[in-house]
Amino acid sequence: MTTPDARSGTGQPAELFFEDLVPGLTVDLGVVTVDGDEMVAFARRFDPQWYHVDADLAGASRHGGLIASGFYTVSLFMRAYVDHLLSRAAADASPGLEELRWLAPVRAGDRLAVRVDVMGARPSTARPGLGTVSLTGTMLRLGPDDRPEQEVLRTRFRGWFAVRPTEAEPTEAGPGGAEPTETGPGGAGPGGVEATEAEPTEARPTGADPTGSGSSDAGQPAGGPPDAGSAEISPGDGPSRAEPTD
């Protein structure tokens, strides 16, 4: 029987585990095309600012037409992430994200290439049997020749992934038929892997700029005034100012 830890994010048997998500790995999440009707419907439901929903006002403004809500754009990223990685990987929950930036407006009909780069990986100190993977996600607008024109979204976040299960070695009863005792809380986690603290290793993804240097914020409004520029979310912005545990 497949255990929950061996299931992918969509409930199917997993084929990728924590050990497979090594720093330096890039995963192509495909290309998504922005549907104009869906873009506006999302904005009307969740982010009904005029430059997202009023074509006349948006057309007469500096935006030159309707632009997507930034949260619609990141939702497109999330769907691609699930379809092309989490559907295959033994994914658990996520302890949170460190950065979310909208670097350029997104419009109906845009074709966006999506990818994630593994920046670091270490055993989780909060969830034995899981590993914490640090990831950078990017979306780039493609031109008519399918070559990247502009980065429109960047996000840095962490995910928990189950370690690869291993078959337990058969144990024999001790002298007199005594059963062996189980390992206490400080022992090995699932699959015989002991959760130990390790410093994450970092690797710069090809063609990405995790630091944000050299990129200009082109003003993808989302929840702020039209000229608010890009938005960044960090653990310190929340009311509790508490760093998510790994």
Protein backbone atom coordinates (compact mmCIF):
# COMPACT_ATOMS: atom_id res chain seq x y z
CA MET A 1 0.00 0.00 0.00
CA THR A 2 1.23 3.50 -0.82
CA THR A 3 1.82 5.57 2.30
CA PRO A 4 0.87 9.27 2.38
CA ASP A 5 4.57 10.20 2.40
CA ALA A 6 5.00 8.32 -0.87
CA ARG A 7 2.22 10.18 -2.66
CA SER A 8 2.69 13.15 -4.91
CA GLY A 9 1.05 16.52 -4.38
CA THR A 10 -1.94 15.36 -6.46
CA GLY A 11 -2.27 12.05 -4.60
CA GLN A 12 -0.62 9.78 -7.14
CA PRO A 13 2.38 7.56 -6.33
CA ALA A 14 5.45 9.81 -6.11
CA GLU A 15 8.48 9.35 -8.33
CA LEU A 16 10.56 12.27 -7.02
CA PHE A 17 11.71 12.69 -3.42
CA PHE A 18 13.74 15.10 -1.32
CA GLU A 19 16.98 13.42 -2.39
CA ASP A 20 16.20 14.16 -6.07
CA LEU A 21 15.81 17.92 -5.58
CA VAL A 22 19.48 18.84 -5.49
CA PRO A 23 20.81 22.42 -5.55
CA GLY A 24 21.43 23.56 -9.11
CA LEU A 25 18.50 21.59 -10.54
CA THR A 26 16.22 23.51 -12.93
CA VAL A 27 12.73 22.20 -13.64
CA ASP A 28 10.88 23.44 -16.74
CA LEU A 29 7.24 24.08 -15.81
CA GLY A 30 6.07 24.70 -19.37
CA VAL A 31 4.46 27.71 -21.04
CA VAL A 32 1.13 29.25 -20.01
CA THR A 33 -0.98 31.58 -22.14
CA VAL A 34 -2.93 34.29 -20.32
CA ASP A 35 -6.65 33.98 -20.98
CA GLY A 36 -8.22 37.44 -21.04
CA ASP A 37 -11.66 36.41 -19.79
CA GLU A 38 -10.21 34.40 -16.93
CA MET A 39 -7.82 37.24 -16.06
CA VAL A 40 -10.69 39.74 -15.74
CA ALA A 41 -12.99 37.28 -13.93
CA PHE A 42 -10.28 36.65 -11.33
CA ALA A 43 -9.81 40.39 -10.84
CA ARG A 44 -13.53 41.04 -10.49
CA ARG A 45 -13.70 38.36 -7.79
CA PHE A 46 -10.48 39.04 -5.87
CA ASP A 47 -8.78 42.28 -6.98
CA PRO A 48 -11.32 44.64 -8.64
CA GLN A 49 -9.07 47.64 -9.17
CA TRP A 50 -9.90 49.70 -12.24
CA TYR A 51 -6.73 48.88 -14.20
CA HIS A 52 -7.63 45.17 -13.84
CA VAL A 53 -11.35 45.37 -14.69
CA ASP A 54 -12.24 48.62 -16.53
CA ALA A 55 -10.98 48.45 -20.11
CA ASP A 56 -11.85 52.08 -20.91
CA LEU A 57 -10.08 53.58 -17.91
CA ALA A 58 -7.12 51.26 -18.29
CA GLY A 59 -6.83 52.07 -22.02
CA ALA A 60 -6.73 55.82 -21.33
CA SER A 61 -4.10 55.43 -18.60
CA ARG A 62 -0.36 54.94 -18.65
CA HIS A 63 -1.03 51.18 -18.61
CA GLY A 64 -2.43 51.31 -22.15
CA GLY A 65 -4.99 48.60 -21.42
CA LEU A 66 -6.01 46.03 -18.87
CA ILE A 67 -3.26 44.37 -16.88
CA ALA A 68 -3.51 41.22 -14.79
CA SER A 69 -3.75 41.22 -11.04
CA GLY A 70 -0.41 40.15 -9.64
CA PHE A 71 -2.18 37.47 -7.64
CA TYR A 72 -3.65 36.06 -10.84
CA THR A 73 -0.14 35.87 -12.27
CA VAL A 74 1.23 34.03 -9.24
CA SER A 75 -1.78 31.70 -9.40
CA LEU A 76 -0.74 30.79 -12.95
CA PHE A 77 2.72 30.04 -11.59
CA MET A 78 1.26 27.85 -8.85
CA ARG A 79 -0.81 25.82 -11.32
CA ALA A 80 2.25 25.18 -13.50
CA TYR A 81 4.25 24.20 -10.40
CA VAL A 82 1.61 21.66 -9.42
CA ASP A 83 1.13 20.27 -12.94
CA HIS A 84 4.81 19.79 -13.76
CA LEU A 85 6.54 19.16 -10.41
CA LEU A 86 4.28 18.60 -7.41
CA SER A 87 2.21 16.08 -9.38
CA ARG A 88 5.36 13.92 -9.52
CA ALA A 89 7.07 14.75 -6.23
CA ALA A 90 6.41 13.55 -2.67
CA ALA A 91 5.32 17.03 -1.68
CA ASP A 92 4.15 18.04 1.76
CA ALA A 93 3.14 21.53 2.89
CA SER A 94 5.21 24.69 2.54
CA PRO A 95 6.58 26.71 5.49
CA GLY A 96 6.27 29.93 3.49
CA LEU A 97 7.89 32.28 1.02
CA GLU A 98 10.58 34.94 1.35
CA GLU A 99 10.01 37.02 -1.78
CA LEU A 100 7.29 37.73 -4.33
CA ARG A 101 7.99 40.33 -7.00
CA TRP A 102 5.97 41.47 -10.00
CA LEU A 103 8.56 42.83 -12.39
CA ALA A 104 6.42 43.76 -15.42
CA PRO A 105 2.73 44.00 -16.32
CA VAL A 106 1.03 40.87 -17.64
CA ARG A 107 -1.69 41.15 -20.29
CA ALA A 108 -4.21 38.96 -22.04
CA GLY A 109 -2.57 36.77 -24.67
CA ASP A 110 0.90 36.85 -23.09
CA ARG A 111 2.81 33.59 -23.28
CA LEU A 112 4.80 33.01 -20.10
CA ALA A 113 7.59 30.46 -19.71
CA VAL A 114 7.67 29.09 -16.16
CA ARG A 115 10.45 27.35 -14.24
CA VAL A 116 11.79 26.65 -10.77
CA ASP A 117 15.42 26.42 -9.68
CA VAL A 118 16.51 24.49 -6.59
CA MET A 119 18.69 26.81 -4.50
CA GLY A 120 19.26 24.71 -1.39
CA ALA A 121 18.14 21.55 0.42
CA ARG A 122 18.54 20.22 3.95
CA PRO A 123 16.75 17.83 6.30
CA SER A 124 13.88 19.51 8.09
CA THR A 125 14.43 20.27 11.77
CA ALA A 126 10.68 20.66 12.38
CA ARG A 127 9.34 17.66 10.44
CA PRO A 128 11.31 14.42 10.78
CA GLY A 129 11.20 12.40 7.59
CA LEU A 130 10.92 15.53 5.46
CA GLY A 131 13.47 17.78 3.81
CA THR A 132 13.25 21.54 3.31
CA VAL A 133 13.94 22.65 -0.26
CA SER A 134 14.58 26.32 -1.11
CA LEU A 135 13.31 27.27 -4.56
CA THR A 136 13.24 30.24 -6.90
CA GLY A 137 10.35 30.47 -9.35
CA THR A 138 10.36 32.70 -12.43
CA MET A 139 7.99 33.59 -15.26
CA LEU A 140 9.31 35.13 -18.48
CA ARG A 141 7.27 36.65 -21.30
CA LEU A 142 8.05 35.04 -24.66
CA GLY A 143 8.27 36.93 -27.94
CA PRO A 144 6.85 35.82 -31.31
CA ASP A 145 10.03 33.79 -31.90
CA ASP A 146 9.58 32.00 -28.54
CA ARG A 147 12.64 33.72 -27.12
CA PRO A 148 12.35 35.24 -23.61
CA GLU A 149 11.68 38.99 -23.73
CA GLN A 150 11.17 40.00 -20.11
CA GLU A 151 10.93 38.51 -16.63
CA VAL A 152 7.49 39.29 -15.21
CA LEU A 153 7.51 37.39 -11.90
CA ARG A 154 10.05 36.09 -9.40
CA THR A 155 9.39 34.31 -6.12
CA ARG A 156 11.58 32.63 -3.50
CA PHE A 157 9.93 30.05 -1.27
CA ARG A 158 10.43 26.78 0.58
CA GLY A 159 8.71 23.42 0.32
CA TRP A 160 8.73 20.24 2.36
CA PHE A 161 9.32 16.97 0.53
CA ALA A 162 9.36 13.44 1.93
CA VAL A 163 12.62 11.52 2.01
CA ARG A 164 12.73 8.41 -0.16
CA PRO A 165 11.26 5.40 1.70
CA THR A 166 13.57 2.44 2.31
CA GLU A 167 12.59 -1.11 3.12
CA ALA A 168 13.19 -1.96 6.77
CA GLU A 169 15.66 -4.72 7.54
CA PRO A 170 14.02 -7.74 9.25
CA THR A 171 14.80 -7.91 12.95
CA GLU A 172 15.16 -11.01 15.07
CA ALA A 173 13.95 -11.42 18.60
CA GLY A 174 16.69 -11.36 21.24
CA PRO A 175 17.54 -14.20 23.60
CA GLY A 176 14.51 -15.54 25.36
CA GLY A 177 12.19 -14.15 22.67
CA ALA A 178 12.47 -10.52 23.78
CA GLU A 179 11.37 -8.07 21.11
CA PRO A 180 13.80 -5.25 20.20
CA THR A 181 12.90 -1.85 21.57
CA GLU A 182 11.93 1.01 19.25
CA THR A 183 14.10 4.02 18.69
CA GLY A 184 13.06 6.99 20.79
CA PRO A 185 12.23 10.48 19.47
CA GLY A 186 15.89 11.32 19.00
CA GLY A 187 16.48 8.37 16.66
CA ALA A 188 16.12 7.93 12.95
CA GLY A 189 13.07 9.28 11.12
CA PRO A 190 11.06 7.48 8.41
CA GLY A 191 13.24 5.48 6.07
CA GLY A 192 16.07 5.35 8.59
CA VAL A 193 17.08 8.95 7.91
CA GLU A 194 17.95 10.96 10.98
CA ALA A 195 16.76 14.58 10.90
CA THR A 196 19.90 16.60 11.48
CA GLU A 197 20.59 20.26 11.05
CA ALA A 198 22.66 21.13 8.00
CA GLU A 199 23.45 24.39 6.34
CA PRO A 200 21.68 24.77 2.97
CA THR A 201 23.83 24.91 -0.10
CA GLU A 202 23.12 27.59 -2.63
CA ALA A 203 23.40 27.53 -6.39
CA ARG A 204 22.63 30.37 -8.76
CA PRO A 205 20.12 29.24 -11.43
CA THR A 206 20.95 29.72 -15.06
CA GLY A 207 19.54 32.98 -16.33
CA ALA A 208 17.97 34.01 -13.03
CA ASP A 209 18.90 36.84 -10.69
CA PRO A 210 17.74 35.87 -7.19
CA THR A 211 19.11 39.06 -5.69
CA GLY A 212 16.99 41.25 -7.90
CA SER A 213 19.99 43.35 -8.93
CA GLY A 214 19.86 44.61 -12.47
CA SER A 215 16.09 44.14 -12.73
CA SER A 216 13.75 47.10 -12.87
CA ASP A 217 10.32 46.96 -11.33
CA ALA A 218 7.95 47.80 -14.13
CA GLY A 219 4.96 48.41 -11.91
CA GLN A 220 2.66 45.41 -11.80
CA PRO A 221 0.02 46.89 -9.48
CA ALA A 222 -1.58 44.52 -7.02
CA GLY A 223 -3.44 45.85 -4.05
CA GLY A 224 -1.72 49.23 -4.14
CA PRO A 225 -1.80 52.45 -6.18
CA PRO A 226 -1.07 52.11 -9.93
CA ASP A 227 2.48 53.40 -9.53
CA ALA A 228 3.31 51.16 -6.56
CA GLY A 229 5.79 49.13 -8.62
CA SER A 230 6.76 45.63 -7.68
CA ALA A 231 5.75 44.09 -4.40
CA GLU A 232 7.93 42.12 -2.02
CA ILE A 233 6.68 39.86 0.71
CA SER A 234 8.99 38.79 3.50
CA PRO A 235 8.41 37.02 6.80
CA GLY A 236 8.99 40.30 8.66
CA ASP A 237 5.99 41.96 6.96
CA GLY A 238 3.41 39.91 8.85
CA PRO A 239 1.87 40.96 12.15
CA SER A 240 3.68 38.29 14.14
CA ARG A 241 7.13 38.93 12.61
CA ALA A 242 7.86 35.28 13.25
CA GLU A 243 10.20 33.38 10.92
CA PRO A 244 8.48 30.20 9.67
CA THR A 245 10.13 27.11 11.06
CA ASP A 246 11.63 24.56 8.72
